[in-house]
Protein backbone atom coordinates (compact mmCIF):
# COMPACT_ATOMS: atom_id res chain seq x y z
CA UNK A 1 122.22 99.33 54.59
CA UNK A 2 124.99 100.21 57.03
CA UNK A 3 127.82 97.67 56.90
CA UNK A 4 130.64 99.81 58.28
CA UNK A 5 131.07 102.32 61.10
CA UNK A 6 133.97 103.95 62.92
CA UNK A 7 134.91 104.86 66.49
CA UNK A 8 137.82 107.02 67.63
CA UNK A 9 136.57 108.02 71.09
CA UNK A 10 138.71 106.81 73.98
CA UNK A 11 137.25 104.76 76.83
CA UNK A 12 138.02 107.51 79.32
CA UNK A 13 135.87 110.05 77.51
CA UNK A 14 133.08 107.54 77.07
CA UNK A 15 133.06 106.72 80.78
CA UNK A 16 133.07 110.41 81.73
CA UNK A 17 130.22 111.23 79.36
CA UNK A 18 128.25 108.15 80.38
CA UNK A 19 128.52 109.13 84.04
CA UNK A 20 126.20 112.08 83.34
CA UNK A 21 123.40 109.61 82.45
CA UNK A 22 123.33 108.30 86.03
CA UNK A 23 123.22 104.70 84.83
CA UNK A 24 126.07 102.70 86.43
CA UNK A 25 128.27 101.12 83.78
CA UNK A 26 129.98 97.80 84.57
CA UNK A 27 132.75 95.94 82.78
CA UNK A 28 132.10 92.28 83.69
CA UNK A 29 134.80 91.03 81.33
CA UNK A 30 137.30 93.76 82.20
CA UNK A 31 137.75 97.22 80.71
CA UNK A 32 138.24 96.69 76.97
CA UNK A 33 141.25 97.93 75.04
CA UNK A 34 138.87 100.17 73.09
CA UNK A 35 141.47 100.95 70.43
CA UNK A 36 140.45 103.56 67.83
CA UNK A 37 138.66 101.92 64.93
CA UNK A 38 138.79 103.79 61.63
CA UNK A 39 136.31 101.30 60.29
CA UNK A 40 134.74 98.14 61.67
CA UNK A 41 132.71 95.78 59.55
CA UNK A 42 130.38 92.80 59.64
CA UNK A 43 131.64 89.88 61.81
CA UNK A 44 134.14 92.13 63.65
CA UNK A 45 134.04 92.01 67.44
CA UNK A 46 133.15 95.42 68.84
CA UNK A 47 132.08 96.81 72.21
CA UNK A 48 128.38 97.19 72.98
CA UNK A 49 126.48 98.44 76.03
CA UNK A 50 123.44 96.50 77.24
CA UNK A 51 121.35 96.14 80.42
CA UNK A 52 123.22 94.24 83.11
CA UNK A 53 121.82 90.72 83.41
CA UNK A 54 121.47 90.80 87.19
CA UNK A 55 120.64 94.50 87.58
CA UNK A 56 118.32 95.90 84.88
CA UNK A 57 118.84 99.45 86.18
CA UNK A 58 122.55 99.20 85.44
CA UNK A 59 124.46 98.69 82.19
CA UNK A 60 127.43 96.61 81.13
CA UNK A 61 129.96 96.88 78.33
CA UNK A 62 131.05 93.68 76.60
CA UNK A 63 132.74 92.84 73.30
CA UNK A 64 130.64 90.85 70.86
CA UNK A 65 130.43 89.95 67.18
CA UNK A 66 128.59 92.14 64.68
CA UNK A 67 125.95 89.92 62.99
CA UNK A 68 124.64 86.41 63.41
CA UNK A 69 123.96 83.94 60.59
CA UNK A 70 120.51 84.25 59.07
CA UNK A 71 118.67 81.95 56.66
CA UNK A 72 121.12 80.41 54.24
CA UNK A 73 124.02 81.71 56.30
CA UNK A 74 123.66 85.33 55.17
CA UNK A 75 124.73 87.62 58.05
CA UNK A 76 122.04 89.59 59.86
CA UNK A 77 123.84 92.86 60.47
CA UNK A 78 120.89 95.26 60.09
CA UNK A 79 117.49 94.56 61.61
CA UNK A 80 114.28 96.48 60.85
CA UNK A 81 112.77 98.17 63.87
CA UNK A 82 109.51 99.07 62.15
CA UNK A 83 106.51 97.85 64.15
CA UNK A 84 108.57 95.64 66.46
CA UNK A 85 108.28 95.29 70.22
CA UNK A 86 111.84 94.95 71.49
CA UNK A 87 112.29 93.69 75.02
CA UNK A 88 114.72 95.53 77.27
CA UNK A 89 116.87 92.43 77.73
CA UNK A 90 117.46 92.27 73.96
CA UNK A 91 118.41 95.94 73.54
CA UNK A 92 121.95 97.17 73.18
CA UNK A 93 123.88 100.28 72.20
CA UNK A 94 126.80 100.44 69.80
CA UNK A 95 129.04 103.44 70.64
CA UNK A 96 130.43 105.07 67.50
CA UNK A 97 131.79 108.34 66.21
CA UNK A 98 130.01 107.81 62.90
CA UNK A 99 128.85 105.39 60.24
CA UNK A 100 129.27 105.03 56.49
CA UNK A 101 126.89 104.74 53.57
CA UNK A 102 127.80 103.96 49.97
CA UNK A 103 126.35 105.22 46.69
CA UNK A 104 127.00 104.42 43.05
CA UNK A 105 130.14 106.07 41.67
CA UNK A 106 129.62 109.29 39.73
CA UNK A 107 129.04 109.00 36.02
CA UNK A 108 132.19 109.51 33.90
CA UNK A 109 132.57 112.72 31.89
CA UNK A 110 130.95 112.72 28.44
CA UNK A 111 132.92 110.61 26.01
CA UNK A 112 134.67 108.51 28.67
CA UNK A 113 133.82 104.90 29.42
CA UNK A 114 132.70 103.84 32.87
CA UNK A 115 135.42 101.77 34.59
CA UNK A 116 134.44 98.14 35.03
CA UNK A 117 135.17 98.15 38.76
CA UNK A 118 134.74 101.74 39.80
CA UNK A 119 134.56 101.95 43.61
CA UNK A 120 131.36 103.23 45.14
CA UNK A 121 131.30 106.69 46.66
CA UNK A 122 131.69 106.54 50.45
CA UNK A 123 130.00 108.97 52.84
CA UNK A 124 130.66 109.45 56.56
CA UNK A 125 127.82 110.49 58.85
CA UNK A 126 128.47 111.96 62.31
CA UNK A 127 126.26 113.63 64.89
CA UNK A 128 126.53 117.39 64.87
CA UNK A 129 128.13 118.90 68.00
CA UNK A 130 128.68 115.49 69.68
CA UNK A 131 132.00 113.61 69.44
CA UNK A 132 130.28 110.23 69.77
CA UNK A 133 126.82 108.72 69.94
CA UNK A 134 125.20 105.30 69.90
CA UNK A 135 123.40 103.25 67.31
CA UNK A 136 120.45 101.31 68.70
CA UNK A 137 120.82 97.58 68.36
CA UNK A 138 119.63 94.18 69.49
CA UNK A 139 121.65 91.18 70.58
CA UNK A 140 120.98 87.49 70.82
CA UNK A 141 122.73 84.20 71.46
CA UNK A 142 123.30 82.13 68.34
CA UNK A 143 124.28 78.43 68.42
CA UNK A 144 126.92 78.97 65.72
CA UNK A 145 128.65 82.20 66.77
CA UNK A 146 127.59 82.79 70.36
CA UNK A 147 126.30 86.19 71.45
CA UNK A 148 126.11 88.65 68.58
CA UNK A 149 124.42 91.95 67.77
CA UNK A 150 122.79 93.77 64.89
CA UNK A 151 122.10 97.45 64.20
CA UNK A 152 118.47 98.54 64.10
CA UNK A 153 117.20 100.49 61.12
CA UNK A 154 114.29 102.83 60.48
CA UNK A 155 113.03 104.91 57.54
CA UNK A 156 115.62 107.50 56.51
CA UNK A 157 115.59 111.03 57.85
CA UNK A 158 116.23 114.01 55.57
CA UNK A 159 119.99 113.85 56.19
CA UNK A 160 120.29 110.24 55.01
CA UNK A 161 117.50 109.99 52.41
CA UNK A 162 119.65 111.35 49.54
CA UNK A 163 122.09 108.48 50.11
CA UNK A 164 119.99 105.48 51.14
CA UNK A 165 116.38 104.33 51.53
CA UNK A 166 117.02 103.13 55.11
CA UNK A 167 119.17 104.32 58.01
CA UNK A 168 120.47 103.06 61.31
CA UNK A 169 118.74 104.33 64.46
CA UNK A 170 120.93 107.15 65.79
CA UNK A 171 120.70 107.89 69.52
CA UNK A 172 122.30 111.04 70.92
CA UNK A 173 123.74 110.56 74.38
CA UNK A 174 120.64 111.91 76.14
CA UNK A 175 118.56 109.14 74.52
CA UNK A 176 120.87 106.25 75.30
CA UNK A 177 119.63 105.69 78.85
CA UNK A 178 116.06 105.71 77.56
CA UNK A 179 116.87 102.92 75.11
CA UNK A 180 117.90 100.77 78.06
CA UNK A 181 114.75 101.69 80.00
CA UNK A 182 112.03 99.00 79.72
CA UNK A 183 109.34 101.65 80.22
CA UNK A 184 110.24 103.36 76.95
CA UNK A 185 108.69 101.72 73.86
CA UNK A 186 111.19 100.95 71.12
CA UNK A 187 109.06 102.76 68.53
CA UNK A 188 109.44 106.01 70.46
CA UNK A 189 113.18 106.07 69.84
CA UNK A 190 113.48 104.22 66.53
CA UNK A 191 112.89 107.35 64.51
CA UNK A 192 115.12 109.53 62.33
CA UNK A 193 116.47 112.75 63.78
CA UNK A 194 115.50 116.27 62.78
CA UNK A 195 116.98 117.79 59.61
CA UNK A 196 120.54 118.99 60.07
CA UNK A 197 121.28 116.68 63.02
CA UNK A 198 123.85 114.69 61.04
CA UNK A 199 126.94 116.02 59.32
CA UNK A 200 127.87 114.33 56.04
CA UNK A 201 131.23 114.30 54.31
CA UNK A 202 132.52 112.34 51.37
CA UNK A 203 135.55 110.20 52.11
CA UNK A 204 135.84 108.52 48.71
């Protein structure tokens, strides 16, 4: 499951690109610093975009925690979309340049012992021909941590399947406004993309 992503896009580019969607974007808590993030992880506070509370046809960007405590205190950082009806008010978008998946380290050459703590292989996934995109998410208010969000997952597409049995829901920019539209069923967008949509590179 995805427990790390990255974002290098500047707020100026995001605002310019978002303008093309014709969905007004507000900053009720002020324009965030939006510093480049080479990797953000569970419990980090990161910017999300969600429907504006008092104007469902507009959007707002706020900074919130990734994950809320689940049963036993385990963080809920990925949330299955399969078969779920997700209300517009609970939907959010997580702007990223890419996300990471991890696989078991390669086997050692014949005759060599496997290191006891060999690091897992790390793979970066980005959207082909787009500098940034969004991951579909949901947010909620939790009595322990306040408002927090989780990434939605779906069955893996052909680009992710060799690396993991699930994947986050990737939304190209032209689908982001639809995710915030209450008339669009969640199941229509919570699907993997066509083969070749994601670029994959090994970073470790």
